[in-house]
């Protein structure tokens, strides 16, 4: 599918930049890459694109069924009473990644500090590459 080739471009970028993971947090970018459209409002939503394993989408619990029906890779979620960062850490196959690309333009302090409790690695900015992808089409 078209979405797969976009994800492949992210994987290629990760490979070139010696990184194992990209974290997409902007709902517009998630939709662009996967075809899944969601506005999580104040809740957390992240697409985890690994360089060498299948991606995973983390969404509010009420979106899990709808996302799972659209996507052909794992979807997991959390309810408001749960700590989303603990759920992410428990739900991902790998969090031990030295360099992680994330959408700096979309990461508020809460999201960034939360992700830093999950991942040990250094964060780099994915936003310029996403902008370039969207221009090239």
N, C-alpha and C. Protein backbone atom coordinates (compact mmCIF):
# COMPACT_ATOMS: atom_id res chain seq x y z
N UNK A 1 0.84 -1.20 0.00
CA UNK A 1 0.00 0.00 0.00
C UNK A 1 0.88 1.25 0.00
N UNK A 2 0.25 2.36 -0.30
CA UNK A 2 0.93 3.65 -0.33
C UNK A 2 1.47 4.02 1.06
N UNK A 3 0.67 3.73 2.09
CA UNK A 3 1.09 4.04 3.45
C UNK A 3 2.38 3.29 3.79
N UNK A 4 2.46 2.05 3.33
CA UNK A 4 3.65 1.25 3.61
C UNK A 4 4.89 1.89 3.01
N UNK A 5 4.79 2.42 1.79
CA UNK A 5 5.97 3.01 1.17
C UNK A 5 6.40 4.27 1.92
N UNK A 6 5.45 5.01 2.49
CA UNK A 6 5.80 6.17 3.31
C UNK A 6 6.54 5.72 4.56
N UNK A 7 6.04 4.66 5.19
CA UNK A 7 6.73 4.13 6.37
C UNK A 7 8.11 3.61 5.99
N UNK A 8 8.22 3.03 4.80
CA UNK A 8 9.53 2.56 4.32
C UNK A 8 10.51 3.72 4.15
N UNK A 9 10.00 4.87 3.74
CA UNK A 9 10.86 6.05 3.61
C UNK A 9 11.38 6.50 4.98
N UNK A 10 10.52 6.41 5.98
CA UNK A 10 10.96 6.73 7.35
C UNK A 10 12.04 5.74 7.77
N UNK A 11 11.82 4.44 7.51
CA UNK A 11 12.81 3.41 7.88
C UNK A 11 14.15 3.66 7.18
N UNK A 12 14.09 4.04 5.92
CA UNK A 12 15.31 4.34 5.16
C UNK A 12 16.04 5.53 5.80
N UNK A 13 15.28 6.57 6.17
CA UNK A 13 15.85 7.73 6.84
C UNK A 13 16.51 7.32 8.17
N UNK A 14 15.84 6.46 8.93
CA UNK A 14 16.40 6.00 10.21
C UNK A 14 17.70 5.24 9.97
N UNK A 15 17.68 4.36 8.98
CA UNK A 15 18.87 3.59 8.65
C UNK A 15 20.04 4.50 8.30
N UNK A 16 19.77 5.51 7.46
CA UNK A 16 20.82 6.45 7.05
C UNK A 16 21.36 7.26 8.22
N UNK A 17 20.50 7.49 9.23
CA UNK A 17 20.89 8.34 10.36
C UNK A 17 21.23 7.52 11.61
N UNK A 18 21.48 6.22 11.42
CA UNK A 18 21.92 5.33 12.50
C UNK A 18 20.98 5.38 13.70
N UNK A 19 19.67 5.43 13.38
CA UNK A 19 18.67 5.48 14.44
C UNK A 19 17.74 4.29 14.32
N UNK A 20 17.25 3.80 15.44
CA UNK A 20 16.37 2.64 15.41
C UNK A 20 14.89 2.98 15.48
N UNK A 21 14.55 4.27 15.72
CA UNK A 21 13.14 4.58 15.99
C UNK A 21 12.79 6.02 15.65
N UNK A 22 11.62 6.18 15.05
CA UNK A 22 11.00 7.50 14.90
C UNK A 22 9.69 7.49 15.66
N UNK A 23 9.42 8.58 16.38
CA UNK A 23 8.18 8.72 17.13
C UNK A 23 7.39 9.87 16.53
N UNK A 24 6.23 9.54 15.97
CA UNK A 24 5.37 10.53 15.33
C UNK A 24 4.23 10.87 16.28
N UNK A 25 4.08 12.18 16.58
CA UNK A 25 3.08 12.59 17.56
C UNK A 25 2.02 13.53 16.99
N UNK A 26 2.29 14.11 15.81
CA UNK A 26 1.32 15.01 15.20
C UNK A 26 0.23 14.19 14.51
N UNK A 27 -1.04 14.36 14.90
CA UNK A 27 -2.12 13.59 14.28
C UNK A 27 -2.16 13.73 12.76
N UNK A 28 -1.77 14.90 12.25
CA UNK A 28 -1.75 15.12 10.80
C UNK A 28 -0.70 14.22 10.15
N UNK A 29 0.46 14.08 10.80
CA UNK A 29 1.52 13.22 10.26
C UNK A 29 1.13 11.75 10.38
N UNK A 30 0.51 11.37 11.50
CA UNK A 30 0.05 9.98 11.67
C UNK A 30 -0.91 9.63 10.53
N UNK A 31 -1.84 10.53 10.24
CA UNK A 31 -2.80 10.31 9.15
C UNK A 31 -2.08 10.22 7.81
N UNK A 32 -1.13 11.12 7.57
CA UNK A 32 -0.36 11.14 6.32
C UNK A 32 0.39 9.82 6.12
N UNK A 33 0.96 9.28 7.20
CA UNK A 33 1.78 8.07 7.08
C UNK A 33 0.96 6.79 7.06
N UNK A 34 -0.19 6.76 7.71
CA UNK A 34 -0.92 5.50 7.92
C UNK A 34 -2.35 5.50 7.39
N UNK A 35 -2.93 6.66 7.15
CA UNK A 35 -4.33 6.74 6.76
C UNK A 35 -5.28 6.72 7.95
N UNK A 36 -4.76 6.65 9.16
CA UNK A 36 -5.61 6.68 10.35
C UNK A 36 -5.76 8.12 10.83
N UNK A 37 -7.01 8.59 10.90
CA UNK A 37 -7.31 9.97 11.25
C UNK A 37 -7.89 10.02 12.66
N UNK A 38 -7.23 10.77 13.55
CA UNK A 38 -7.68 10.84 14.93
C UNK A 38 -7.22 12.14 15.56
N UNK A 39 -8.10 12.78 16.30
CA UNK A 39 -7.70 13.92 17.13
C UNK A 39 -7.80 13.49 18.58
N UNK A 40 -6.65 13.21 19.22
CA UNK A 40 -6.68 12.69 20.59
C UNK A 40 -6.98 13.76 21.65
N UNK A 41 -7.13 15.02 21.21
CA UNK A 41 -7.35 16.14 22.13
C UNK A 41 -6.22 16.20 23.15
N UNK A 42 -6.53 16.15 24.44
CA UNK A 42 -5.47 16.26 25.45
C UNK A 42 -4.81 14.91 25.75
N UNK A 43 -5.31 13.85 25.14
CA UNK A 43 -4.75 12.52 25.41
C UNK A 43 -3.53 12.25 24.54
N UNK A 44 -2.84 11.16 24.83
CA UNK A 44 -1.59 10.85 24.13
C UNK A 44 -1.83 9.93 22.94
N UNK A 45 -1.19 10.25 21.83
CA UNK A 45 -1.18 9.36 20.66
C UNK A 45 0.22 9.43 20.04
N UNK A 46 0.81 8.27 19.81
CA UNK A 46 2.12 8.19 19.19
C UNK A 46 2.18 7.03 18.21
N UNK A 47 2.79 7.28 17.06
CA UNK A 47 3.14 6.22 16.13
C UNK A 47 4.63 5.95 16.29
N UNK A 48 4.97 4.71 16.60
CA UNK A 48 6.37 4.30 16.77
C UNK A 48 6.79 3.54 15.53
N UNK A 49 7.70 4.14 14.75
CA UNK A 49 8.19 3.50 13.52
C UNK A 49 9.61 3.04 13.78
N UNK A 50 9.78 1.71 13.86
CA UNK A 50 11.11 1.13 14.08
C UNK A 50 11.82 0.93 12.76
N UNK A 51 13.13 0.99 12.82
CA UNK A 51 13.92 0.76 11.62
C UNK A 51 13.85 -0.71 11.19
N UNK A 52 13.80 -1.63 12.15
CA UNK A 52 13.96 -3.05 11.81
C UNK A 52 12.90 -3.96 12.42
N UNK A 53 11.76 -3.42 12.81
CA UNK A 53 10.64 -4.26 13.26
C UNK A 53 9.34 -3.53 12.94
N UNK A 54 8.21 -4.20 13.13
CA UNK A 54 6.95 -3.57 12.71
C UNK A 54 6.61 -2.39 13.60
N UNK A 55 5.88 -1.41 13.03
CA UNK A 55 5.50 -0.23 13.82
C UNK A 55 4.44 -0.58 14.87
N UNK A 56 4.14 0.39 15.71
CA UNK A 56 3.07 0.25 16.69
C UNK A 56 2.42 1.61 16.89
N UNK A 57 1.11 1.61 17.09
CA UNK A 57 0.39 2.85 17.36
C UNK A 57 -0.18 2.81 18.77
N UNK A 58 0.05 3.89 19.51
CA UNK A 58 -0.47 4.04 20.86
C UNK A 58 -1.53 5.14 20.84
N UNK A 59 -2.74 4.79 21.30
CA UNK A 59 -3.87 5.72 21.23
C UNK A 59 -4.69 5.67 22.51
N UNK A 60 -5.57 6.66 22.73
CA UNK A 60 -6.55 6.53 23.82
C UNK A 60 -7.39 5.26 23.62
N UNK A 61 -7.74 4.61 24.71
CA UNK A 61 -8.42 3.31 24.66
C UNK A 61 -9.63 3.30 23.73
N UNK A 62 -10.40 4.39 23.72
CA UNK A 62 -11.62 4.40 22.91
C UNK A 62 -11.34 4.44 21.42
N UNK A 63 -10.07 4.62 21.02
CA UNK A 63 -9.71 4.62 19.59
C UNK A 63 -9.08 3.30 19.13
N UNK A 64 -8.82 2.38 20.08
CA UNK A 64 -8.06 1.17 19.73
C UNK A 64 -8.77 0.33 18.67
N UNK A 65 -10.06 0.09 18.84
CA UNK A 65 -10.80 -0.76 17.91
C UNK A 65 -10.82 -0.16 16.51
N UNK A 66 -11.09 1.14 16.42
CA UNK A 66 -11.15 1.80 15.12
C UNK A 66 -9.79 1.79 14.44
N UNK A 67 -8.73 2.07 15.21
CA UNK A 67 -7.37 2.06 14.63
C UNK A 67 -7.00 0.66 14.15
N UNK A 68 -7.33 -0.35 14.96
CA UNK A 68 -7.00 -1.73 14.61
C UNK A 68 -7.67 -2.17 13.33
N UNK A 69 -8.85 -1.64 13.05
CA UNK A 69 -9.58 -2.02 11.84
C UNK A 69 -8.96 -1.40 10.59
N UNK A 70 -8.19 -0.32 10.77
CA UNK A 70 -7.59 0.40 9.64
C UNK A 70 -6.14 -0.05 9.39
N UNK A 71 -5.44 -0.40 10.46
CA UNK A 71 -4.00 -0.64 10.36
C UNK A 71 -3.67 -2.13 10.41
N UNK A 72 -2.56 -2.50 9.78
CA UNK A 72 -2.17 -3.92 9.79
C UNK A 72 -0.96 -4.15 10.69
N UNK A 73 -0.80 -3.32 11.71
CA UNK A 73 0.25 -3.53 12.72
C UNK A 73 -0.34 -3.26 14.10
N UNK A 74 0.37 -3.61 15.17
CA UNK A 74 -0.21 -3.55 16.51
C UNK A 74 -0.64 -2.15 16.95
N UNK A 75 -1.80 -2.13 17.61
CA UNK A 75 -2.33 -0.91 18.21
C UNK A 75 -2.56 -1.20 19.69
N UNK A 76 -2.12 -0.30 20.55
CA UNK A 76 -2.41 -0.47 21.97
C UNK A 76 -2.79 0.88 22.56
N UNK A 77 -3.41 0.87 23.74
CA UNK A 77 -3.93 2.12 24.26
C UNK A 77 -3.96 2.17 25.76
N UNK A 78 -4.57 3.25 26.25
CA UNK A 78 -4.67 3.46 27.70
C UNK A 78 -5.96 4.19 28.03
N UNK A 79 -6.45 3.95 29.23
CA UNK A 79 -7.61 4.69 29.73
C UNK A 79 -7.09 5.83 30.62
N UNK A 80 -7.95 6.80 30.86
CA UNK A 80 -7.52 8.02 31.54
C UNK A 80 -6.94 7.79 32.93
N UNK A 81 -7.36 6.71 33.58
CA UNK A 81 -6.86 6.44 34.93
C UNK A 81 -5.45 5.84 34.93
N UNK A 82 -4.97 5.45 33.75
CA UNK A 82 -3.66 4.82 33.64
C UNK A 82 -2.58 5.85 33.30
N UNK A 83 -1.34 5.53 33.66
CA UNK A 83 -0.19 6.35 33.27
C UNK A 83 0.21 5.95 31.86
N UNK A 84 0.06 6.87 30.88
CA UNK A 84 0.34 6.48 29.48
C UNK A 84 1.80 6.08 29.27
N UNK A 85 2.72 6.71 30.01
CA UNK A 85 4.15 6.45 29.81
C UNK A 85 4.51 5.04 30.27
N UNK A 86 3.91 4.61 31.38
CA UNK A 86 4.12 3.23 31.85
C UNK A 86 3.53 2.23 30.86
N UNK A 87 2.36 2.56 30.31
CA UNK A 87 1.73 1.67 29.32
C UNK A 87 2.59 1.56 28.06
N UNK A 88 3.16 2.68 27.62
CA UNK A 88 4.02 2.66 26.44
C UNK A 88 5.25 1.78 26.71
N UNK A 89 5.90 2.00 27.85
CA UNK A 89 7.10 1.25 28.19
C UNK A 89 6.81 -0.25 28.24
N UNK A 90 5.67 -0.60 28.81
CA UNK A 90 5.28 -2.01 28.92
C UNK A 90 4.86 -2.60 27.58
N UNK A 91 4.31 -1.77 26.70
CA UNK A 91 3.71 -2.27 25.47
C UNK A 91 4.65 -2.37 24.28
N UNK A 92 5.78 -1.68 24.33
CA UNK A 92 6.69 -1.68 23.19
C UNK A 92 7.71 -2.81 23.29
N UNK A 93 8.06 -3.35 22.13
CA UNK A 93 9.03 -4.45 22.07
C UNK A 93 10.42 -3.97 22.50
N UNK A 94 10.75 -2.72 22.19
CA UNK A 94 12.09 -2.22 22.49
C UNK A 94 12.05 -0.74 22.82
N UNK A 95 12.67 -0.36 23.95
CA UNK A 95 12.78 1.06 24.31
C UNK A 95 14.24 1.46 24.51
N UNK A 96 15.14 0.49 24.33
CA UNK A 96 16.57 0.74 24.54
C UNK A 96 17.21 1.14 23.21
N UNK A 97 17.07 2.40 22.85
CA UNK A 97 17.48 2.88 21.53
C UNK A 97 18.34 4.13 21.70
N UNK A 98 19.58 4.12 21.17
CA UNK A 98 20.49 5.24 21.44
C UNK A 98 20.07 6.59 20.84
N UNK A 99 19.55 6.56 19.60
CA UNK A 99 19.13 7.80 18.95
C UNK A 99 17.69 7.63 18.47
N UNK A 100 16.84 8.57 18.89
CA UNK A 100 15.41 8.52 18.59
C UNK A 100 15.03 9.81 17.87
N UNK A 101 14.33 9.67 16.75
CA UNK A 101 13.83 10.85 16.05
C UNK A 101 12.39 11.13 16.45
N UNK A 102 12.09 12.39 16.79
CA UNK A 102 10.74 12.77 17.19
C UNK A 102 10.39 14.11 16.55
N UNK A 103 9.08 14.37 16.45
CA UNK A 103 8.61 15.62 15.83
C UNK A 103 8.71 16.76 16.84
N UNK A 104 9.84 17.44 16.87
CA UNK A 104 10.05 18.50 17.85
C UNK A 104 8.98 19.59 17.76
N UNK A 105 8.51 19.88 16.55
CA UNK A 105 7.49 20.92 16.38
C UNK A 105 6.19 20.58 17.10
N UNK A 106 5.98 19.30 17.36
CA UNK A 106 4.72 18.88 17.96
C UNK A 106 4.86 18.45 19.43
N UNK A 107 6.08 18.39 19.95
CA UNK A 107 6.28 17.88 21.31
C UNK A 107 6.21 19.02 22.32
N UNK A 108 5.11 19.05 23.09
CA UNK A 108 5.10 19.98 24.21
C UNK A 108 5.94 19.39 25.35
N UNK A 109 6.11 20.15 26.41
CA UNK A 109 6.99 19.73 27.51
C UNK A 109 6.49 18.43 28.14
N UNK A 110 5.19 18.31 28.32
CA UNK A 110 4.61 17.09 28.92
C UNK A 110 4.94 15.85 28.11
N UNK A 111 4.73 15.94 26.79
CA UNK A 111 5.02 14.80 25.92
C UNK A 111 6.50 14.47 25.94
N UNK A 112 7.33 15.50 25.84
CA UNK A 112 8.77 15.26 25.76
C UNK A 112 9.29 14.65 27.05
N UNK A 113 8.89 15.20 28.19
CA UNK A 113 9.34 14.65 29.47
C UNK A 113 8.80 13.24 29.67
N UNK A 114 7.57 13.01 29.23
CA UNK A 114 7.00 11.66 29.31
C UNK A 114 7.79 10.65 28.50
N UNK A 115 8.11 11.02 27.26
CA UNK A 115 8.89 10.12 26.39
C UNK A 115 10.28 9.86 26.98
N UNK A 116 10.85 10.86 27.63
CA UNK A 116 12.16 10.68 28.24
C UNK A 116 12.14 9.71 29.41
N UNK A 117 10.97 9.47 30.00
CA UNK A 117 10.87 8.45 31.06
C UNK A 117 10.79 7.05 30.45
N UNK A 118 10.45 6.96 29.16
CA UNK A 118 10.32 5.67 28.48
C UNK A 118 11.61 5.27 27.79
N UNK A 119 12.25 6.25 27.14
CA UNK A 119 13.42 5.98 26.30
C UNK A 119 14.68 6.59 26.91
N UNK A 120 15.76 5.82 26.89
CA UNK A 120 17.03 6.28 27.44
C UNK A 120 17.79 7.18 26.47
N UNK A 121 17.52 7.03 25.18
CA UNK A 121 18.39 7.60 24.16
C UNK A 121 18.32 9.09 23.99
N UNK A 122 19.11 9.58 23.05
CA UNK A 122 19.14 10.99 22.70
C UNK A 122 18.08 11.27 21.63
N UNK A 123 17.36 12.37 21.79
CA UNK A 123 16.32 12.73 20.83
C UNK A 123 16.85 13.70 19.78
N UNK A 124 16.50 13.40 18.51
CA UNK A 124 16.83 14.27 17.39
C UNK A 124 15.52 14.68 16.71
N UNK A 125 15.59 15.70 15.87
CA UNK A 125 14.38 16.28 15.28
C UNK A 125 13.98 15.63 13.96
N UNK A 126 12.80 15.02 13.95
CA UNK A 126 12.24 14.38 12.75
C UNK A 126 11.51 15.39 11.84
N UNK A 127 11.09 16.52 12.41
CA UNK A 127 10.22 17.46 11.68
C UNK A 127 10.75 17.87 10.30
N UNK A 128 12.05 18.24 10.17
CA UNK A 128 12.52 18.64 8.83
C UNK A 128 12.34 17.54 7.78
N UNK A 129 12.57 16.29 8.15
CA UNK A 129 12.41 15.19 7.19
C UNK A 129 10.94 15.02 6.80
N UNK A 130 10.04 15.13 7.77
CA UNK A 130 8.61 15.02 7.47
C UNK A 130 8.18 16.14 6.52
N UNK A 131 8.65 17.35 6.78
CA UNK A 131 8.33 18.48 5.88
C UNK A 131 8.82 18.19 4.47
N UNK A 132 10.03 17.65 4.37
CA UNK A 132 10.61 17.33 3.06
C UNK A 132 9.78 16.25 2.36
N UNK A 133 9.38 15.21 3.09
CA UNK A 133 8.54 14.14 2.53
C UNK A 133 7.25 14.71 1.96
N UNK A 134 6.64 15.61 2.72
CA UNK A 134 5.33 16.12 2.33
C UNK A 134 5.41 17.02 1.11
N UNK A 135 6.56 17.68 0.93
CA UNK A 135 6.78 18.52 -0.25
C UNK A 135 6.99 17.65 -1.48
N UNK A 136 7.82 16.59 -1.33
CA UNK A 136 8.15 15.71 -2.46
C UNK A 136 6.93 14.91 -2.89
N UNK A 137 6.10 14.51 -1.92
CA UNK A 137 4.89 13.68 -2.14
C UNK A 137 5.24 12.24 -2.47
